[in-house]
Amino acid sequence: MLDIRNASFSYTDWEDEEDTLHTSRVLHQVTASIAANEFVALLGRNGSGKSSFTRLLNGIELPSEGTVQVEGRFTHDSPSLPLIRRAVQIVFQNPENQQVGMTVGEDIAFGLSNIGYPQQQMQERIAWAIDLVGLDADEDRPVTRLSGGEKQKLALASVLALSPKYLILDEATSMLDPLARKQFVATLHEARKRHPFALIYITHHLEEVLEADRWVLFREGRIHLDGPPAQFLNNEALLAECGLELPYYHALALALQAKGVSVPASLGIEELRDLLCRFN
């Protein structure tokens, strides 16, 4: 389990004009927990604190107050950090920022080498990771010849090869077109079925996280609301305040309900087709 207790975090920068330190607090006394194999979506406007929160989870940053515990190990305990960072992996927004190999195989092998993975088993593990994410490229393919969606799959393969218990995706689909986003999310869920892990997912695209166990909404560095998606989907005003749009079919269902039309809250394509046929 990931256990965060009363965690606060501040960035410290130099003020060039006055040559003084300026501290800006971005998280305020946050308490939360994430269980093994849970799917949790982190939502909120840019600057609300969700990305800073995830950087506390694997010790990239340390809380200025409070504690972060991963599988019984505290991130402020330096000897524990290698095991914590292996357990909690991150896929960032731009896959090119975390790709270091010239080829697909080299990129996956880099992380495996860093954790001392047995050399004689390396090729088998690379092939396993490529297959797990459905990347249609052999290990000798130059990374520069991959599409944006393929590069994101490679970034996913590189971290899944390390068998993380918790995977953080920090707006990992934001640079993809709608079709590539849909394919990437499908790949992610298929990988979780074959090799379970907890998923901590930052996004502004709510349709990507409808199957999440919980949505956690950040506002001004605090957790404003934490609950199942249904608790949010009926509160369009709150989502709008936080810069989030309801998925199309959910927004349509609410609009129809407001007009007195009896439809389920989770209106889908089939329900919409039946509704159109009924009123045609």
Protein backbone atom coordinates (compact mmCIF):
# COMPACT_ATOMS: atom_id res chain seq x y z
CA MET A 1 0.00 0.00 0.00
CA LEU A 2 0.97 3.63 -0.57
CA ASP A 3 0.26 5.61 2.58
CA ILE A 4 0.52 9.41 2.63
CA ARG A 5 0.01 11.18 5.95
CA ASN A 6 -0.34 14.95 6.37
CA ALA A 7 2.12 15.55 3.52
CA SER A 8 2.95 19.09 2.51
CA PHE A 9 5.39 20.13 -0.19
CA SER A 10 6.93 23.44 -1.23
CA TYR A 11 9.12 24.49 -4.14
CA THR A 12 11.97 26.86 -3.35
CA ASP A 13 13.30 29.23 -6.02
CA TRP A 14 15.65 32.20 -6.11
CA GLU A 15 14.10 35.57 -6.78
CA ASP A 16 16.53 37.00 -9.35
CA GLU A 17 15.77 40.68 -8.77
CA GLU A 18 16.14 40.53 -4.99
CA ASP A 19 18.48 37.53 -4.84
CA THR A 20 16.35 35.95 -2.10
CA LEU A 21 14.77 32.55 -1.67
CA HIS A 22 11.06 32.30 -2.44
CA THR A 23 9.04 29.36 -1.17
CA SER A 24 5.79 28.32 -2.82
CA ARG A 25 3.70 25.64 -1.13
CA VAL A 26 1.91 23.38 -3.63
CA LEU A 27 0.57 20.66 -1.32
CA HIS A 28 -1.10 21.25 2.03
CA GLN A 29 -1.49 18.48 4.63
CA VAL A 30 -2.56 15.79 2.14
CA THR A 31 -3.59 12.41 3.52
CA ALA A 32 -4.44 9.52 1.20
CA SER A 33 -3.81 5.84 0.56
CA ILE A 34 -3.65 3.67 -2.55
CA ALA A 35 -4.05 -0.09 -2.29
CA ALA A 36 -2.35 -2.80 -4.32
CA ASN A 37 -3.93 -3.26 -7.78
CA GLU A 38 -6.23 -0.26 -7.30
CA PHE A 39 -7.01 2.07 -10.22
CA VAL A 40 -7.04 5.68 -9.01
CA ALA A 41 -7.49 8.74 -11.23
CA LEU A 42 -6.01 12.07 -10.10
CA LEU A 43 -7.96 15.04 -11.45
CA GLY A 44 -7.76 18.81 -11.25
CA ARG A 45 -6.58 21.93 -13.01
CA ASN A 46 -2.93 22.44 -13.93
CA GLY A 47 -1.16 23.61 -10.80
CA SER A 48 -3.65 21.96 -8.44
CA GLY A 49 -0.95 19.72 -6.94
CA LYS A 50 -1.62 16.33 -8.50
CA SER A 51 1.75 15.99 -10.30
CA SER A 52 3.64 17.15 -7.21
CA PHE A 53 1.70 14.55 -5.24
CA THR A 54 2.84 11.73 -7.52
CA ARG A 55 6.48 12.84 -7.28
CA LEU A 56 6.27 12.25 -3.55
CA LEU A 57 5.16 8.67 -4.11
CA ASN A 58 8.51 7.35 -5.33
CA GLY A 59 10.84 9.77 -3.62
CA ILE A 60 11.60 12.05 -6.56
CA GLU A 61 10.61 14.74 -4.07
CA LEU A 62 10.35 14.50 -0.28
CA PRO A 63 7.56 16.10 1.74
CA SER A 64 8.47 19.19 3.75
CA GLU A 65 5.99 17.95 6.36
CA GLY A 66 4.35 14.58 6.94
CA THR A 67 5.32 11.15 5.64
CA VAL A 68 5.06 8.98 2.52
CA GLN A 69 5.25 5.23 3.00
CA VAL A 70 5.55 2.63 0.23
CA GLU A 71 5.02 -1.01 1.17
CA GLY A 72 6.16 -0.23 4.71
CA ARG A 73 9.21 1.85 3.67
CA PHE A 74 9.45 5.60 4.22
CA THR A 75 10.69 7.77 1.35
CA HIS A 76 12.77 9.89 3.74
CA ASP A 77 14.83 6.77 4.55
CA SER A 78 17.58 7.01 1.88
CA PRO A 79 18.56 3.28 1.93
CA SER A 80 14.93 2.40 1.07
CA LEU A 81 14.75 4.61 -2.04
CA PRO A 82 16.08 2.06 -4.60
CA LEU A 83 13.38 -0.45 -3.61
CA ILE A 84 10.71 2.26 -3.47
CA ARG A 85 11.61 3.55 -6.94
CA ARG A 86 11.54 0.06 -8.37
CA ALA A 87 8.08 -0.51 -6.86
CA VAL A 88 6.70 2.87 -8.04
CA GLN A 89 7.38 3.73 -11.67
CA ILE A 90 6.30 6.79 -13.70
CA VAL A 91 5.47 7.26 -17.39
CA PHE A 92 5.61 10.97 -18.21
CA GLN A 93 3.75 13.15 -20.69
CA ASN A 94 6.51 13.19 -23.31
CA PRO A 95 7.96 9.70 -23.89
CA GLU A 96 11.09 11.13 -25.51
CA ASN A 97 12.09 12.61 -22.15
CA GLN A 98 12.62 9.15 -20.68
CA GLN A 99 13.97 7.21 -23.66
CA VAL A 100 17.71 6.71 -23.56
CA GLY A 101 18.41 3.85 -25.98
CA MET A 102 19.02 4.10 -29.71
CA THR A 103 16.81 1.06 -30.36
CA VAL A 104 13.70 -0.44 -28.78
CA GLY A 105 15.72 -3.23 -27.17
CA GLU A 106 18.39 -0.89 -25.82
CA ASP A 107 15.77 1.37 -24.28
CA ILE A 108 14.12 -1.47 -22.35
CA ALA A 109 17.48 -2.99 -21.43
CA PHE A 110 18.69 0.25 -19.83
CA GLY A 111 16.28 0.04 -16.89
CA LEU A 112 16.83 -3.68 -16.50
CA SER A 113 20.59 -3.18 -16.35
CA ASN A 114 20.16 -0.52 -13.65
CA ILE A 115 18.41 -3.00 -11.34
CA GLY A 116 20.93 -5.77 -12.02
CA TYR A 117 18.61 -7.99 -14.04
CA PRO A 118 20.39 -11.24 -15.04
CA GLN A 119 22.12 -10.73 -18.39
CA GLN A 120 21.26 -14.23 -19.61
CA GLN A 121 17.54 -13.51 -19.14
CA MET A 122 17.59 -9.99 -20.59
CA GLN A 123 16.52 -10.81 -24.16
CA GLU A 124 13.61 -12.90 -22.97
CA ARG A 125 12.45 -10.09 -20.68
CA ILE A 126 12.70 -7.50 -23.46
CA ALA A 127 10.60 -9.68 -25.76
CA TRP A 128 8.09 -10.20 -22.94
CA ALA A 129 7.71 -6.45 -22.36
CA ILE A 130 7.30 -5.72 -26.09
CA ASP A 131 4.59 -8.37 -26.33
CA LEU A 132 2.88 -7.20 -23.12
CA VAL A 133 2.19 -3.71 -24.50
CA GLY A 134 1.49 -4.87 -28.05
CA LEU A 135 4.30 -2.84 -29.58
CA ASP A 136 4.54 -3.79 -33.26
CA ALA A 137 8.30 -3.36 -33.52
CA ASP A 138 11.25 -5.67 -33.05
CA GLU A 139 13.99 -4.81 -30.59
CA ASP A 140 16.35 -3.60 -33.32
CA ARG A 141 13.96 -0.88 -34.54
CA PRO A 142 15.50 2.60 -34.05
CA VAL A 143 13.50 4.65 -31.58
CA THR A 144 13.49 7.55 -34.06
CA ARG A 145 11.39 5.44 -36.44
CA LEU A 146 8.54 4.97 -33.97
CA SER A 147 5.31 6.96 -34.10
CA GLY A 148 4.15 8.99 -31.09
CA GLY A 149 1.83 6.20 -29.98
CA GLU A 150 4.59 3.60 -30.41
CA LYS A 151 7.02 5.71 -28.38
CA GLN A 152 4.48 5.89 -25.55
CA LYS A 153 4.05 2.11 -25.72
CA LEU A 154 7.83 1.77 -25.53
CA ALA A 155 7.93 3.98 -22.44
CA LEU A 156 5.26 1.75 -20.91
CA ALA A 157 7.17 -1.42 -21.86
CA SER A 158 10.36 -0.05 -20.32
CA VAL A 159 8.75 0.45 -16.91
CA LEU A 160 6.61 -2.70 -16.97
CA ALA A 161 9.74 -4.75 -17.64
CA LEU A 162 10.77 -3.80 -14.08
CA SER A 163 7.58 -5.34 -12.62
CA PRO A 164 6.38 -2.28 -10.68
CA LYS A 165 3.69 -2.67 -8.05
CA TYR A 166 2.45 0.86 -8.71
CA LEU A 167 2.47 2.68 -12.04
CA ILE A 168 1.93 6.43 -12.34
CA LEU A 169 0.88 7.89 -15.69
CA ASP A 170 1.29 11.67 -15.69
CA GLU A 171 -0.92 12.81 -18.59
CA ALA A 172 0.76 10.14 -20.69
CA THR A 173 -1.83 10.41 -23.48
CA SER A 174 -1.94 14.20 -23.81
CA MET A 175 0.40 14.26 -26.84
CA LEU A 176 -1.54 11.55 -28.69
CA ASP A 177 -4.42 11.93 -31.12
CA PRO A 178 -7.83 10.52 -30.03
CA LEU A 179 -7.36 7.17 -31.80
CA ALA A 180 -3.84 6.67 -30.40
CA ARG A 181 -5.13 7.63 -26.93
CA LYS A 182 -7.86 5.03 -27.13
CA GLN A 183 -5.40 2.37 -28.30
CA PHE A 184 -2.92 3.25 -25.55
CA VAL A 185 -5.57 3.03 -22.81
CA ALA A 186 -6.74 -0.33 -24.17
CA THR A 187 -3.12 -1.55 -24.14
CA LEU A 188 -2.73 -0.39 -20.56
CA HIS A 189 -5.80 -2.26 -19.33
CA GLU A 190 -4.82 -5.41 -21.20
CA ALA A 191 -1.37 -5.25 -19.58
CA ARG A 192 -2.98 -4.93 -16.13
CA LYS A 193 -5.09 -8.03 -16.78
CA ARG A 194 -2.00 -10.04 -17.70
CA HIS A 195 0.30 -8.57 -15.04
CA PRO A 196 -1.67 -6.79 -12.27
CA PHE A 197 -0.39 -3.55 -10.76
CA ALA A 198 -1.92 -0.47 -9.14
CA LEU A 199 -2.53 2.39 -11.57
CA ILE A 200 -2.34 6.06 -10.58
CA TYR A 201 -3.56 8.01 -13.60
CA ILE A 202 -3.38 11.79 -14.11
CA THR A 203 -5.57 13.04 -16.95
CA HIS A 204 -7.98 15.71 -18.15
CA HIS A 205 -9.77 13.16 -20.38
CA LEU A 206 -12.44 11.69 -18.09
CA GLU A 207 -13.48 9.07 -20.64
CA GLU A 208 -10.11 7.38 -20.04
CA VAL A 209 -10.81 6.79 -16.35
CA LEU A 210 -14.49 5.81 -16.23
CA GLU A 211 -13.45 2.34 -15.06
CA ALA A 212 -11.32 3.66 -12.20
CA ASP A 213 -12.07 2.52 -8.66
CA ARG A 214 -11.76 6.09 -7.37
CA TRP A 215 -11.38 9.63 -8.62
CA VAL A 216 -9.38 12.03 -6.46
CA LEU A 217 -9.95 15.71 -7.19
CA PHE A 218 -7.22 18.20 -6.28
CA ARG A 219 -7.92 21.90 -5.74
CA GLU A 220 -5.26 24.40 -4.68
CA GLY A 221 -2.94 21.77 -3.28
CA ARG A 222 -5.57 19.89 -1.29
CA ILE A 223 -7.75 16.86 -1.91
CA HIS A 224 -11.20 18.32 -2.47
CA LEU A 225 -13.12 15.10 -3.14
CA ASP A 226 -12.24 11.40 -3.16
CA GLY A 227 -14.78 8.81 -4.24
CA PRO A 228 -16.17 6.56 -7.01
CA PRO A 229 -16.64 8.10 -10.49
CA ALA A 230 -20.43 8.12 -10.08
CA GLN A 231 -20.05 10.64 -7.25
CA PHE A 232 -18.49 13.09 -9.74
CA LEU A 233 -20.42 12.37 -12.92
CA ASN A 234 -23.63 13.84 -11.54
CA ASN A 235 -21.87 17.06 -10.53
CA GLU A 236 -21.14 18.78 -13.82
CA ALA A 237 -20.79 22.18 -12.12
CA LEU A 238 -17.98 20.97 -9.84
CA LEU A 239 -16.10 19.40 -12.74
CA ALA A 240 -16.46 22.59 -14.79
CA GLU A 241 -15.08 24.64 -11.88
CA CYS A 242 -12.03 22.39 -11.94
CA GLY A 243 -11.51 22.64 -15.71
CA LEU A 244 -12.92 19.19 -16.50
CA GLU A 245 -15.51 18.21 -19.10
CA LEU A 246 -17.93 15.35 -18.77
CA PRO A 247 -17.54 12.64 -21.41
CA TYR A 248 -19.96 13.31 -24.26
CA TYR A 249 -22.48 10.57 -23.51
CA HIS A 250 -22.66 11.48 -19.83
CA ALA A 251 -23.17 15.17 -20.65
CA LEU A 252 -25.88 14.17 -23.13
CA ALA A 253 -27.62 12.03 -20.51
CA LEU A 254 -27.69 14.92 -18.03
CA ALA A 255 -29.04 17.28 -20.70
CA LEU A 256 -31.81 14.83 -21.59
CA GLN A 257 -32.67 14.27 -17.92
CA ALA A 258 -32.96 18.05 -17.49
CA LYS A 259 -35.52 18.01 -20.32
CA GLY A 260 -37.54 15.35 -18.52
CA VAL A 261 -36.38 12.42 -20.65
CA SER A 262 -35.87 9.24 -18.63
CA VAL A 263 -32.39 7.92 -19.46
CA PRO A 264 -29.68 6.22 -17.41
CA ALA A 265 -26.80 8.33 -16.09
CA SER A 266 -24.32 6.15 -17.97
CA LEU A 267 -25.84 6.61 -21.39
CA GLY A 268 -23.89 4.65 -24.02
CA ILE A 269 -24.06 4.09 -27.75
CA GLU A 270 -26.63 1.30 -27.48
CA GLU A 271 -28.84 3.29 -25.11
CA LEU A 272 -28.63 6.32 -27.41
CA ARG A 273 -29.56 4.22 -30.45
CA ASP A 274 -32.59 2.79 -28.61
CA LEU A 275 -33.61 6.28 -27.51
CA LEU A 276 -33.43 7.68 -31.05
CA CYS A 277 -35.48 4.76 -32.38
CA ARG A 278 -38.09 5.26 -29.68
CA PHE A 279 -38.58 8.97 -30.43
CA ASN A 280 -38.22 8.73 -34.20
